[in-house]
């Protein structure tokens, strides 16, 4: 059970890191094209907002999964007397 829980958490943490990196890259790109067209800047800002929202959802999901896994592991430890 702990191996599966660890695997799920590592996958969620990896996804969270990738999404955070994508947000940072997009922020850098937006700063680099500040002199670009208004349409391109608007598109990039919209994309950045979407990525930020996704990043927050991943963080919340990771926290929820972590809490549920901790609860399940605690219950299993009580049942097996560990």
Foldseek 3Di string as FASTA:
>chain_A
DVVVLVVVLVVLVVVLVVLVVVLVVLVVVLVVVVVPDPVVNVVSVVVSVVSVVVSVVSVVVSVVSVVVVVVVVVVVCVVVVD
